[in-house]
């Protein structure tokens, strides 16, 4: 996994957490769900990159 991919995936995860927190604070269920979805997508990307690294070695 390249360093830039790690940072990009982590940034996506943090954006998702921020959306989720904002949704909770404003009682916006749609924004909260969107934040959770963004986090899940970032986590899947990270997992995919880790699998690629395993097979690269």
PDB file of N, CA and C in Angstrom:
ATOM      1  N   UNK A   1       0.855  -1.170   0.000  1.00  0.00           N
ATOM      2  CA  UNK A   1       0.000   0.000   0.000  1.00  0.00           C
ATOM      3  C   UNK A   1       0.897   1.228   0.000  1.00  0.00           C
ATOM      4  N   UNK A   2       0.677   2.089  -0.954  1.00  0.00           N
ATOM      5  CA  UNK A   2       1.496   3.291  -1.004  1.00  0.00           C
ATOM      6  C   UNK A   2       1.080   4.254   0.104  1.00  0.00           C
ATOM      7  N   UNK A   3       1.990   5.095   0.468  1.00  0.00           N
ATOM      8  CA  UNK A   3       1.731   6.044   1.543  1.00  0.00           C
ATOM      9  C   UNK A   3       0.594   6.990   1.189  1.00  0.00           C
ATOM     10  N   UNK A   4       0.547   7.424  -0.068  1.00  0.00           N
ATOM     11  CA  UNK A   4      -0.522   8.347  -0.460  1.00  0.00           C
ATOM     12  C   UNK A   4      -1.891   7.665  -0.373  1.00  0.00           C
ATOM     13  N   UNK A   5      -1.951   6.368  -0.716  1.00  0.00           N
ATOM     14  CA  UNK A   5      -3.218   5.633  -0.583  1.00  0.00           C
ATOM     15  C   UNK A   5      -3.637   5.535   0.877  1.00  0.00           C
ATOM     16  N   UNK A   6      -2.671   5.295   1.757  1.00  0.00           N
ATOM     17  CA  UNK A   6      -2.981   5.201   3.189  1.00  0.00           C
ATOM     18  C   UNK A   6      -3.569   6.520   3.688  1.00  0.00           C
ATOM     19  N   UNK A   7      -2.916   7.630   3.307  1.00  0.00           N
ATOM     20  CA  UNK A   7      -3.403   8.935   3.751  1.00  0.00           C
ATOM     21  C   UNK A   7      -4.779   9.243   3.179  1.00  0.00           C
ATOM     22  N   UNK A   8      -4.980   8.909   1.909  1.00  0.00           N
ATOM     23  CA  UNK A   8      -6.267   9.173   1.272  1.00  0.00           C
ATOM     24  C   UNK A   8      -7.379   8.360   1.931  1.00  0.00           C
ATOM     25  N   UNK A   9      -7.108   7.090   2.189  1.00  0.00           N
ATOM     26  CA  UNK A   9      -8.113   6.241   2.834  1.00  0.00           C
ATOM     27  C   UNK A   9      -8.403   6.703   4.253  1.00  0.00           C
ATOM     28  N   UNK A  10      -7.372   7.108   4.969  1.00  0.00           N
ATOM     29  CA  UNK A  10      -7.560   7.591   6.342  1.00  0.00           C
ATOM     30  C   UNK A  10      -8.357   8.895   6.332  1.00  0.00           C
ATOM     31  N   UNK A  11      -8.065   9.759   5.353  1.00  0.00           N
ATOM     32  CA  UNK A  11      -8.804  11.020   5.240  1.00  0.00           C
ATOM     33  C   UNK A  11     -10.281  10.743   4.967  1.00  0.00           C
ATOM     34  N   UNK A  12     -10.563   9.778   4.094  1.00  0.00           N
ATOM     35  CA  UNK A  12     -11.953   9.411   3.808  1.00  0.00           C
ATOM     36  C   UNK A  12     -12.641   8.886   5.068  1.00  0.00           C
ATOM     37  N   UNK A  13     -11.911   8.083   5.828  1.00  0.00           N
ATOM     38  CA  UNK A  13     -12.467   7.550   7.071  1.00  0.00           C
ATOM     39  C   UNK A  13     -12.786   8.679   8.055  1.00  0.00           C
ATOM     40  N   UNK A  14     -11.870   9.629   8.184  1.00  0.00           N
ATOM     41  CA  UNK A  14     -12.081  10.746   9.107  1.00  0.00           C
ATOM     42  C   UNK A  14     -13.224  11.645   8.660  1.00  0.00           C
ATOM     43  N   UNK A  15     -13.365  11.843   7.353  1.00  0.00           N
ATOM     44  CA  UNK A  15     -14.495  12.621   6.843  1.00  0.00           C
ATOM     45  C   UNK A  15     -15.804  11.927   7.196  1.00  0.00           C
ATOM     46  N   UNK A  16     -15.812  10.612   7.071  1.00  0.00           N
ATOM     47  CA  UNK A  16     -17.006   9.848   7.428  1.00  0.00           C
ATOM     48  C   UNK A  16     -17.343   9.984   8.897  1.00  0.00           C
ATOM     49  N   UNK A  17     -16.318   9.936   9.735  1.00  0.00           N
ATOM     50  CA  UNK A  17     -16.544  10.098  11.182  1.00  0.00           C
ATOM     51  C   UNK A  17     -17.100  11.484  11.485  1.00  0.00           C
ATOM     52  N   UNK A  18     -16.574  12.494  10.790  1.00  0.00           N
ATOM     53  CA  UNK A  18     -17.060  13.857  11.005  1.00  0.00           C
ATOM     54  C   UNK A  18     -18.516  13.987  10.571  1.00  0.00           C
ATOM     55  N   UNK A  19     -18.852  13.398   9.431  1.00  0.00           N
ATOM     56  CA  UNK A  19     -20.246  13.431   8.969  1.00  0.00           C
ATOM     57  C   UNK A  19     -21.159  12.736   9.964  1.00  0.00           C
ATOM     58  N   UNK A  20     -20.716  11.578  10.445  1.00  0.00           N
ATOM     59  CA  UNK A  20     -21.536  10.831  11.399  1.00  0.00           C
ATOM     60  C   UNK A  20     -21.752  11.654  12.668  1.00  0.00           C
ATOM     61  N   UNK A  21     -20.691  12.262  13.172  1.00  0.00           N
ATOM     62  CA  UNK A  21     -20.802  13.061  14.398  1.00  0.00           C
ATOM     63  C   UNK A  21     -21.706  14.271  14.182  1.00  0.00           C
ATOM     64  N   UNK A  22     -21.579  14.905  13.034  1.00  0.00           N
ATOM     65  CA  UNK A  22     -22.432  16.056  12.730  1.00  0.00           C
ATOM     66  C   UNK A  22     -23.885  15.619  12.623  1.00  0.00           C
ATOM     67  N   UNK A  23     -24.100  14.482  11.994  1.00  0.00           N
ATOM     68  CA  UNK A  23     -25.462  13.948  11.891  1.00  0.00           C
ATOM     69  C   UNK A  23     -26.065  13.662  13.249  1.00  0.00           C
ATOM     70  N   UNK A  24     -25.262  13.100  14.142  1.00  0.00           N
ATOM     71  CA  UNK A  24     -25.759  12.826  15.500  1.00  0.00           C
ATOM     72  C   UNK A  24     -26.080  14.122  16.228  1.00  0.00           C
ATOM     73  N   UNK A  25     -25.183  15.104  16.101  1.00  0.00           N
ATOM     74  CA  UNK A  25     -25.348  16.365  16.819  1.00  0.00           C
ATOM     75  C   UNK A  25     -26.566  17.146  16.321  1.00  0.00           C
ATOM     76  N   UNK A  26     -26.848  17.043  15.032  1.00  0.00           N
ATOM     77  CA  UNK A  26     -27.960  17.802  14.456  1.00  0.00           C
ATOM     78  C   UNK A  26     -29.217  16.953  14.289  1.00  0.00           C
ATOM     79  N   UNK A  27     -29.161  15.719  14.749  1.00  0.00           N
ATOM     80  CA  UNK A  27     -30.277  14.780  14.644  1.00  0.00           C
ATOM     81  C   UNK A  27     -30.687  14.559  13.182  1.00  0.00           C
ATOM     82  N   UNK A  28     -29.659  14.510  12.318  1.00  0.00           N
ATOM     83  CA  UNK A  28     -29.858  14.264  10.885  1.00  0.00           C
ATOM     84  C   UNK A  28     -29.463  12.820  10.591  1.00  0.00           C
ATOM     85  N   UNK A  29     -30.460  11.949  10.568  1.00  0.00           N
ATOM     86  CA  UNK A  29     -30.198  10.521  10.400  1.00  0.00           C
ATOM     87  C   UNK A  29     -29.556  10.206   9.051  1.00  0.00           C
ATOM     88  N   UNK A  30     -29.932  10.945   8.017  1.00  0.00           N
ATOM     89  CA  UNK A  30     -29.378  10.705   6.687  1.00  0.00           C
ATOM     90  C   UNK A  30     -27.879  11.023   6.655  1.00  0.00           C
ATOM     91  N   UNK A  31     -27.487  12.132   7.241  1.00  0.00           N
ATOM     92  CA  UNK A  31     -26.077  12.507   7.276  1.00  0.00           C
ATOM     93  C   UNK A  31     -25.276  11.515   8.126  1.00  0.00           C
ATOM     94  N   UNK A  32     -25.859  11.087   9.214  1.00  0.00           N
ATOM     95  CA  UNK A  32     -25.217  10.108  10.087  1.00  0.00           C
ATOM     96  C   UNK A  32     -24.979   8.790   9.332  1.00  0.00           C
ATOM     97  N   UNK A  33     -25.986   8.341   8.603  1.00  0.00           N
ATOM     98  CA  UNK A  33     -25.857   7.104   7.818  1.00  0.00           C
ATOM     99  C   UNK A  33     -24.832   7.272   6.700  1.00  0.00           C
ATOM    100  N   UNK A  34     -24.822   8.427   6.078  1.00  0.00           N
ATOM    101  CA  UNK A  34     -23.848   8.713   5.018  1.00  0.00           C
ATOM    102  C   UNK A  34     -22.429   8.651   5.571  1.00  0.00           C
ATOM    103  N   UNK A  35     -22.244   9.161   6.763  1.00  0.00           N
ATOM    104  CA  UNK A  35     -20.932   9.112   7.411  1.00  0.00           C
ATOM    105  C   UNK A  35     -20.486   7.684   7.679  1.00  0.00           C
ATOM    106  N   UNK A  36     -21.406   6.860   8.148  1.00  0.00           N
ATOM    107  CA  UNK A  36     -21.074   5.447   8.382  1.00  0.00           C
ATOM    108  C   UNK A  36     -20.730   4.740   7.076  1.00  0.00           C
ATOM    109  N   UNK A  37     -21.453   5.072   6.006  1.00  0.00           N
ATOM    110  CA  UNK A  37     -21.189   4.483   4.693  1.00  0.00           C
ATOM    111  C   UNK A  37     -19.807   4.894   4.192  1.00  0.00           C
ATOM    112  N   UNK A  38     -19.467   6.155   4.362  1.00  0.00           N
ATOM    113  CA  UNK A  38     -18.143   6.637   3.947  1.00  0.00           C
ATOM    114  C   UNK A  38     -17.032   5.908   4.701  1.00  0.00           C
ATOM    115  N   UNK A  39     -17.237   5.701   5.989  1.00  0.00           N
ATOM    116  CA  UNK A  39     -16.239   4.995   6.794  1.00  0.00           C
ATOM    117  C   UNK A  39     -16.088   3.558   6.329  1.00  0.00           C
ATOM    118  N   UNK A  40     -17.197   2.903   6.045  1.00  0.00           N
ATOM    119  CA  UNK A  40     -17.150   1.515   5.589  1.00  0.00           C
ATOM    120  C   UNK A  40     -16.412   1.414   4.260  1.00  0.00           C
ATOM    121  N   UNK A  41     -16.659   2.352   3.364  1.00  0.00           N
ATOM    122  CA  UNK A  41     -15.976   2.356   2.074  1.00  0.00           C
ATOM    123  C   UNK A  41     -14.477   2.531   2.233  1.00  0.00           C
ATOM    124  N   UNK A  42     -14.082   3.428   3.112  1.00  0.00           N
ATOM    125  CA  UNK A  42     -12.653   3.647   3.357  1.00  0.00           C
ATOM    126  C   UNK A  42     -12.013   2.409   3.959  1.00  0.00           C
ATOM    127  N   UNK A  43     -12.713   1.760   4.871  1.00  0.00           N
ATOM    128  CA  UNK A  43     -12.173   0.545   5.485  1.00  0.00           C
ATOM    129  C   UNK A  43     -12.024  -0.578   4.461  1.00  0.00           C
ATOM    130  N   UNK A  44     -12.969  -0.676   3.532  1.00  0.00           N
ATOM    131  CA  UNK A  44     -12.856  -1.684   2.477  1.00  0.00           C
ATOM    132  C   UNK A  44     -11.665  -1.409   1.572  1.00  0.00           C
ATOM    133  N   UNK A  45     -11.458  -0.144   1.244  1.00  0.00           N
ATOM    134  CA  UNK A  45     -10.295   0.224   0.424  1.00  0.00           C
ATOM    135  C   UNK A  45      -8.999  -0.155   1.132  1.00  0.00           C
ATOM    136  N   UNK A  46      -8.934   0.128   2.423  1.00  0.00           N
ATOM    137  CA  UNK A  46      -7.729  -0.206   3.194  1.00  0.00           C
ATOM    138  C   UNK A  46      -7.499  -1.704   3.206  1.00  0.00           C
ATOM    139  N   UNK A  47      -8.552  -2.477   3.370  1.00  0.00           N
ATOM    140  CA  UNK A  47      -8.427  -3.933   3.389  1.00  0.00           C
ATOM    141  C   UNK A  47      -7.960  -4.439   2.026  1.00  0.00           C
ATOM    142  N   UNK A  48      -8.509  -3.879   0.963  1.00  0.00           N
ATOM    143  CA  UNK A  48      -8.107  -4.277  -0.378  1.00  0.00           C
ATOM    144  C   UNK A  48      -6.642  -3.998  -0.641  1.00  0.00           C
ATOM    145  N   UNK A  49      -6.178  -2.854  -0.189  1.00  0.00           N
ATOM    146  CA  UNK A  49      -4.774  -2.490  -0.368  1.00  0.00           C
ATOM    147  C   UNK A  49      -3.868  -3.432   0.425  1.00  0.00           C
ATOM    148  N   UNK A  50      -4.297  -3.817   1.608  1.00  0.00           N
ATOM    149  CA  UNK A  50      -3.498  -4.755   2.426  1.00  0.00           C
ATOM    150  C   UNK A  50      -3.397  -6.113   1.755  1.00  0.00           C
ATOM    151  N   UNK A  51      -4.483  -6.554   1.135  1.00  0.00           N
ATOM    152  CA  UNK A  51      -4.462  -7.838   0.426  1.00  0.00           C
ATOM    153  C   UNK A  51      -3.501  -7.755  -0.758  1.00  0.00           C
ATOM    154  N   UNK A  52      -3.529  -6.648  -1.475  1.00  0.00           N
ATOM    155  CA  UNK A  52      -2.596  -6.458  -2.592  1.00  0.00           C
ATOM    156  C   UNK A  52      -1.162  -6.545  -2.109  1.00  0.00           C
ATOM    157  N   UNK A  53      -0.892  -5.931  -0.965  1.00  0.00           N
ATOM    158  CA  UNK A  53       0.466  -5.954  -0.407  1.00  0.00           C
ATOM    159  C   UNK A  53       0.924  -7.367  -0.078  1.00  0.00           C
ATOM    160  N   UNK A  54       0.017  -8.179   0.433  1.00  0.00           N
ATOM    161  CA  UNK A  54       0.349  -9.559   0.799  1.00  0.00           C
ATOM    162  C   UNK A  54       0.792 -10.331  -0.448  1.00  0.00           C
ATOM    163  N   UNK A  55       0.068 -10.156  -1.542  1.00  0.00           N
ATOM    164  CA  UNK A  55       0.377 -10.894  -2.750  1.00  0.00           C
ATOM    165  C   UNK A  55       1.573 -10.317  -3.504  1.00  0.00           C
ATOM    166  N   UNK A  56       1.924  -9.075  -3.214  1.00  0.00           N
ATOM    167  CA  UNK A  56       3.086  -8.437  -3.831  1.00  0.00           C
ATOM    168  C   UNK A  56       4.382  -9.016  -3.288  1.00  0.00           C
ATOM    169  N   UNK A  57       4.374  -9.362  -2.029  1.00  0.00           N
ATOM    170  CA  UNK A  57       5.604  -9.807  -1.346  1.00  0.00           C
ATOM    171  C   UNK A  57       6.145 -11.086  -1.874  1.00  0.00           C
TER     172      UNK A  57
END
